[in-house]
Amino acid sequence: TNGSARIRKAKIERQKRWKMAGLNIGSINITGVSLFKLKMILETHTVDVLCVQETWLTSSTVKLDIPGYQVYEERRALDKLGGIALLVRRGI
């Protein structure tokens, strides 16, 4: 359908914008991370490295575990807002 063709075209355009020197790098202000949000992003974009801002994870929240990616994260100690994560595809 016309709608699905537009979605495919938009996905290709996003992938072109994110491609840099053979490495696909993405960045998103996620305003509260969830495994669902990350899964949707990683299914719709081919990224080797994903920089995530505003994860809003507290120190008591479980550590992010994304299959196929090494996750580096920093949480805010005294506030629920803020926080960053870096997802790096394993094997690069």
C-alpha atoms as a PDB file:
ATOM      1  CA  THR A   1       0.000   0.000   0.000  1.00  0.00           C
ATOM      2  CA  ASN A   2       0.976   3.631  -0.321  1.00  0.00           C
ATOM      3  CA  GLY A   3       1.325   3.995   3.453  1.00  0.00           C
ATOM      4  CA  SER A   4       3.751   1.096   3.805  1.00  0.00           C
ATOM      5  CA  ALA A   5       5.811   2.412   0.863  1.00  0.00           C
ATOM      6  CA  ARG A   6       6.110   5.788   2.637  1.00  0.00           C
ATOM      7  CA  ILE A   7       7.199   4.040   5.834  1.00  0.00           C
ATOM      8  CA  ARG A   8       9.883   2.043   3.967  1.00  0.00           C
ATOM      9  CA  LYS A   9      11.098   5.196   2.211  1.00  0.00           C
ATOM     10  CA  ALA A  10      11.245   7.099   5.515  1.00  0.00           C
ATOM     11  CA  LYS A  11      13.200   4.235   7.119  1.00  0.00           C
ATOM     12  CA  ILE A  12      15.725   4.270   4.274  1.00  0.00           C
ATOM     13  CA  GLU A  13      16.106   8.050   4.559  1.00  0.00           C
ATOM     14  CA  ARG A  14      16.698   7.784   8.334  1.00  0.00           C
ATOM     15  CA  GLN A  15      19.285   5.065   7.793  1.00  0.00           C
ATOM     16  CA  LYS A  16      21.080   7.259   5.239  1.00  0.00           C
ATOM     17  CA  ARG A  17      21.180  10.165   7.705  1.00  0.00           C
ATOM     18  CA  TRP A  18      22.530   7.937  10.474  1.00  0.00           C
ATOM     19  CA  LYS A  19      25.265   6.326   8.378  1.00  0.00           C
ATOM     20  CA  MET A  20      28.736   7.697   9.033  1.00  0.00           C
ATOM     21  CA  ALA A  21      32.016   6.193   7.777  1.00  0.00           C
ATOM     22  CA  GLY A  22      30.571   2.676   7.648  1.00  0.00           C
ATOM     23  CA  LEU A  23      29.263   2.846  11.200  1.00  0.00           C
ATOM     24  CA  ASN A  24      25.586   3.507  11.868  1.00  0.00           C
ATOM     25  CA  ILE A  25      25.242   5.821  14.861  1.00  0.00           C
ATOM     26  CA  GLY A  26      21.985   7.053  16.313  1.00  0.00           C
ATOM     27  CA  SER A  27      21.020   9.386  19.131  1.00  0.00           C
ATOM     28  CA  ILE A  28      17.687   9.825  20.874  1.00  0.00           C
ATOM     29  CA  ASN A  29      16.257  11.758  23.805  1.00  0.00           C
ATOM     30  CA  ILE A  30      13.970   8.971  24.967  1.00  0.00           C
ATOM     31  CA  THR A  31      12.283  10.740  27.910  1.00  0.00           C
ATOM     32  CA  GLY A  32      12.045   7.626  30.044  1.00  0.00           C
ATOM     33  CA  VAL A  33      13.535   4.424  28.679  1.00  0.00           C
ATOM     34  CA  SER A  34      11.682   1.118  28.483  1.00  0.00           C
ATOM     35  CA  LEU A  35      12.662  -2.152  26.873  1.00  0.00           C
ATOM     36  CA  PHE A  36       9.666  -1.748  24.541  1.00  0.00           C
ATOM     37  CA  LYS A  37      10.885   1.648  23.306  1.00  0.00           C
ATOM     38  CA  LEU A  38      14.419   0.350  22.747  1.00  0.00           C
ATOM     39  CA  LYS A  39      13.136  -2.752  20.950  1.00  0.00           C
ATOM     40  CA  MET A  40      11.032  -0.602  18.602  1.00  0.00           C
ATOM     41  CA  ILE A  41      13.976   1.689  17.839  1.00  0.00           C
ATOM     42  CA  LEU A  42      16.379  -1.190  17.204  1.00  0.00           C
ATOM     43  CA  GLU A  43      13.830  -3.005  15.008  1.00  0.00           C
ATOM     44  CA  THR A  44      13.149   0.049  12.837  1.00  0.00           C
ATOM     45  CA  HIS A  45      16.724   1.379  12.620  1.00  0.00           C
ATOM     46  CA  THR A  46      19.939  -0.434  11.841  1.00  0.00           C
ATOM     47  CA  VAL A  47      22.372   1.038  14.359  1.00  0.00           C
ATOM     48  CA  ASP A  48      25.785  -0.059  15.566  1.00  0.00           C
ATOM     49  CA  VAL A  49      25.883   2.544  18.316  1.00  0.00           C
ATOM     50  CA  LEU A  50      22.838   4.149  19.952  1.00  0.00           C
ATOM     51  CA  CYS A  51      23.272   7.107  22.311  1.00  0.00           C
ATOM     52  CA  VAL A  52      20.286   7.464  24.628  1.00  0.00           C
ATOM     53  CA  GLN A  53      19.623  10.574  26.705  1.00  0.00           C
ATOM     54  CA  GLU A  54      17.077  11.110  29.495  1.00  0.00           C
ATOM     55  CA  THR A  55      16.764   7.431  30.433  1.00  0.00           C
ATOM     56  CA  TRP A  56      15.131   8.371  33.762  1.00  0.00           C
ATOM     57  CA  LEU A  57      16.409   5.172  35.377  1.00  0.00           C
ATOM     58  CA  THR A  58      16.823   5.193  39.139  1.00  0.00           C
ATOM     59  CA  SER A  59      19.530   3.309  40.997  1.00  0.00           C
ATOM     60  CA  SER A  60      16.944   0.695  42.053  1.00  0.00           C
ATOM     61  CA  THR A  61      15.841  -0.028  38.456  1.00  0.00           C
ATOM     62  CA  VAL A  62      17.137  -3.210  36.865  1.00  0.00           C
ATOM     63  CA  LYS A  63      20.179  -2.873  34.601  1.00  0.00           C
ATOM     64  CA  LEU A  64      19.389  -2.620  30.888  1.00  0.00           C
ATOM     65  CA  ASP A  65      20.061  -5.893  29.076  1.00  0.00           C
ATOM     66  CA  ILE A  66      19.631  -5.660  25.306  1.00  0.00           C
ATOM     67  CA  PRO A  67      20.439  -8.851  23.340  1.00  0.00           C
ATOM     68  CA  GLY A  68      23.232  -8.244  20.830  1.00  0.00           C
ATOM     69  CA  TYR A  69      24.384  -5.015  22.472  1.00  0.00           C
ATOM     70  CA  GLN A  70      26.842  -4.056  25.184  1.00  0.00           C
ATOM     71  CA  VAL A  71      25.162  -1.426  27.371  1.00  0.00           C
ATOM     72  CA  TYR A  72      27.025   1.358  29.164  1.00  0.00           C
ATOM     73  CA  GLU A  73      24.925   3.625  31.332  1.00  0.00           C
ATOM     74  CA  GLU A  74      25.105   6.380  33.896  1.00  0.00           C
ATOM     75  CA  ARG A  75      22.156   7.090  36.168  1.00  0.00           C
ATOM     76  CA  ARG A  76      21.485  10.146  38.258  1.00  0.00           C
ATOM     77  CA  ALA A  77      22.033   9.390  41.918  1.00  0.00           C
ATOM     78  CA  LEU A  78      19.620  11.880  43.477  1.00  0.00           C
ATOM     79  CA  ASP A  79      16.968  12.443  40.845  1.00  0.00           C
ATOM     80  CA  LYS A  80      14.858  10.215  38.606  1.00  0.00           C
ATOM     81  CA  LEU A  81      15.254  12.533  35.612  1.00  0.00           C
ATOM     82  CA  GLY A  82      18.373  12.572  33.450  1.00  0.00           C
ATOM     83  CA  GLY A  83      20.626   9.619  32.827  1.00  0.00           C
ATOM     84  CA  ILE A  84      22.357   8.372  29.692  1.00  0.00           C
ATOM     85  CA  ALA A  85      23.035   5.029  28.035  1.00  0.00           C
ATOM     86  CA  LEU A  86      25.252   3.931  25.193  1.00  0.00           C
ATOM     87  CA  LEU A  87      24.328   0.747  23.328  1.00  0.00           C
ATOM     88  CA  VAL A  88      27.142  -0.733  21.244  1.00  0.00           C
ATOM     89  CA  ARG A  89      26.472  -3.657  18.920  1.00  0.00           C
ATOM     90  CA  ARG A  90      28.549  -6.666  19.958  1.00  0.00           C
ATOM     91  CA  GLY A  91      31.270  -7.603  17.500  1.00  0.00           C
ATOM     92  CA  ILE A  92      32.184  -4.161  16.161  1.00  0.00           C
END
